[in-house]
C-alpha atoms as a PDB file:
ATOM      1  CA  MET A   1    -116.150  16.506-116.896  1.00  0.00           C
ATOM      2  CA  ASN A   2    -118.848  18.907-117.840  1.00  0.00           C
ATOM      3  CA  VAL A   3    -122.012  16.708-117.991  1.00  0.00           C
ATOM      4  CA  SER A   4    -125.560  17.673-116.828  1.00  0.00           C
ATOM      5  CA  LEU A   5    -127.674  17.005-113.780  1.00  0.00           C
ATOM      6  CA  GLY A   6    -129.672  14.427-115.916  1.00  0.00           C
ATOM      7  CA  THR A   7    -126.643  12.187-117.302  1.00  0.00           C
ATOM      8  CA  MET A   8    -124.999  12.451-113.923  1.00  0.00           C
ATOM      9  CA  MET A   9    -128.115  10.777-112.154  1.00  0.00           C
ATOM     10  CA  GLU A  10    -128.465   8.797-114.827  1.00  0.00           C
ATOM     11  CA  VAL A  11    -124.686   7.264-114.957  1.00  0.00           C
ATOM     12  CA  GLN A  12    -125.144   7.015-110.715  1.00  0.00           C
ATOM     13  CA  ASN A  13    -128.665   5.194-110.874  1.00  0.00           C
ATOM     14  CA  SER A  14    -127.128   2.594-113.457  1.00  0.00           C
ATOM     15  CA  CYS A  15    -124.572   1.401-110.846  1.00  0.00           C
ATOM     16  CA  SER A  16    -126.942   2.061-107.525  1.00  0.00           C
ATOM     17  CA  GLY A  17    -129.988   0.290-108.543  1.00  0.00           C
ATOM     18  CA  GLY A  18    -132.171   4.179-108.385  1.00  0.00           C
ATOM     19  CA  TRP A  19    -131.180   5.444-105.428  1.00  0.00           C
ATOM     20  CA  TYR A  20    -130.885   8.978-107.132  1.00  0.00           C
ATOM     21  CA  GLN A  21    -133.710  10.879-107.472  1.00  0.00           C
ATOM     22  CA  GLU A  22    -133.370  14.370-106.703  1.00  0.00           C
ATOM     23  CA  ARG A  23    -130.698  17.294-107.541  1.00  0.00           C
ATOM     24  CA  SER A  24    -129.725  16.865-103.859  1.00  0.00           C
ATOM     25  CA  ASP A  25    -129.216  13.181-104.027  1.00  0.00           C
ATOM     26  CA  ILE A  26    -125.944  14.038-106.285  1.00  0.00           C
ATOM     27  CA  GLU A  27    -125.271  18.005-105.551  1.00  0.00           C
ATOM     28  CA  CYS A  28    -122.253  16.488-103.510  1.00  0.00           C
ATOM     29  CA  PHE A  29    -119.199  14.210-103.830  1.00  0.00           C
ATOM     30  CA  ILE A  30    -117.010  12.176-102.088  1.00  0.00           C
ATOM     31  CA  ALA A  31    -113.718  10.890-103.354  1.00  0.00           C
ATOM     32  CA  ILE A  32    -112.728   7.824-101.771  1.00  0.00           C
ATOM     33  CA  ILE A  33    -109.507   5.000-101.873  1.00  0.00           C
ATOM     34  CA  PRO A  34    -111.908   2.019-102.919  1.00  0.00           C
ATOM     35  CA  ASN A  35    -110.825  -1.302-101.745  1.00  0.00           C
ATOM     36  CA  GLU A  36    -111.539  -4.975-103.036  1.00  0.00           C
ATOM     37  CA  ASP A  37    -115.430  -4.467-101.660  1.00  0.00           C
ATOM     38  CA  PHE A  38    -116.067  -1.952-104.283  1.00  0.00           C
ATOM     39  CA  SER A  39    -116.693  -2.656-108.066  1.00  0.00           C
ATOM     40  CA  TYR A  40    -115.409  -0.714-110.603  1.00  0.00           C
ATOM     41  CA  GLU A  41    -117.894   0.646-113.868  1.00  0.00           C
ATOM     42  CA  CYS A  42    -116.665   2.804-116.583  1.00  0.00           C
ATOM     43  CA  PHE A  43    -119.992   4.550-118.525  1.00  0.00           C
ATOM     44  CA  GLY A  44    -119.420   6.650-121.790  1.00  0.00           C
ATOM     45  CA  VAL A  45    -121.307   9.963-121.147  1.00  0.00           C
ATOM     46  CA  ALA A  46    -122.299  12.793-123.393  1.00  0.00           C
ATOM     47  CA  THR A  47    -120.852  16.381-122.060  1.00  0.00           C
ATOM     48  CA  CYS A  48    -122.542  19.371-122.168  1.00  0.00           C
ATOM     49  CA  ASP A  49    -120.401  20.331-125.513  1.00  0.00           C
ATOM     50  CA  ASP A  50    -121.507  16.861-126.900  1.00  0.00           C
ATOM     51  CA  LYS A  51    -118.583  15.279-126.436  1.00  0.00           C
ATOM     52  CA  GLU A  52    -118.370  11.598-125.713  1.00  0.00           C
ATOM     53  CA  GLU A  53    -116.259  11.016-122.508  1.00  0.00           C
ATOM     54  CA  LEU A  54    -115.371   8.119-119.611  1.00  0.00           C
ATOM     55  CA  CYS A  55    -116.854   8.481-116.527  1.00  0.00           C
ATOM     56  CA  GLU A  56    -115.188   6.113-114.095  1.00  0.00           C
ATOM     57  CA  LEU A  57    -116.895   5.230-110.968  1.00  0.00           C
ATOM     58  CA  PHE A  58    -116.680   2.725-107.714  1.00  0.00           C
ATOM     59  CA  CYS A  59    -119.334   1.477-106.419  1.00  0.00           C
ATOM     60  CA  LYS A  60    -120.834  -0.736-103.806  1.00  0.00           C
ATOM     61  CA  GLU A  61    -124.163  -2.293-102.445  1.00  0.00           C
ATOM     62  CA  THR A  62    -125.785   0.518-100.571  1.00  0.00           C
ATOM     63  CA  LYS A  63    -127.142  -1.409 -97.781  1.00  0.00           C
ATOM     64  CA  VAL A  64    -123.736  -2.826 -97.109  1.00  0.00           C
ATOM     65  CA  LEU A  65    -121.594  -0.321 -94.289  1.00  0.00           C
ATOM     66  CA  ILE A  66    -117.854  -0.787 -95.112  1.00  0.00           C
ATOM     67  CA  PRO A  67    -114.763   1.188 -94.072  1.00  0.00           C
ATOM     68  CA  TYR A  68    -112.967   3.224 -96.588  1.00  0.00           C
ATOM     69  CA  ASP A  69    -110.544   6.089 -96.363  1.00  0.00           C
ATOM     70  CA  ILE A  70    -111.845   9.723 -97.542  1.00  0.00           C
ATOM     71  CA  LEU A  71    -109.907  11.848 -99.663  1.00  0.00           C
ATOM     72  CA  ALA A  72    -112.097  14.852-100.392  1.00  0.00           C
ATOM     73  CA  ILE A  73    -115.644  16.177-100.157  1.00  0.00           C
ATOM     74  CA  GLY A  74    -117.171  18.974-102.185  1.00  0.00           C
ATOM     75  CA  LYS A  75    -119.894  20.329-103.854  1.00  0.00           C
ATOM     76  CA  VAL A  76    -120.784  19.136-107.634  1.00  0.00           C
ATOM     77  CA  LEU A  77    -121.283  22.147-110.183  1.00  0.00           C
ATOM     78  CA  PHE A  78    -123.590  20.660-113.000  1.00  0.00           C
ATOM     79  CA  GLY A  79    -124.069  22.150-116.590  1.00  0.00           C
END
């Protein structure tokens, strides 16, 4: 999905309560296998080429530590 940094920060903050303030806060990703402790969120976002796409996230309370299985870790490239 080709979205701007600002759009992704807005999506992340809407489900995290505003934790993401700097580029460094979201320049990497972690792909996980969520369990029942995560809530599913779906957002419509505008891509860099002015199309509407769905952005699906699994969120959890940031202060609650819970175990989960990590599938991948990587760097995000923003348009």
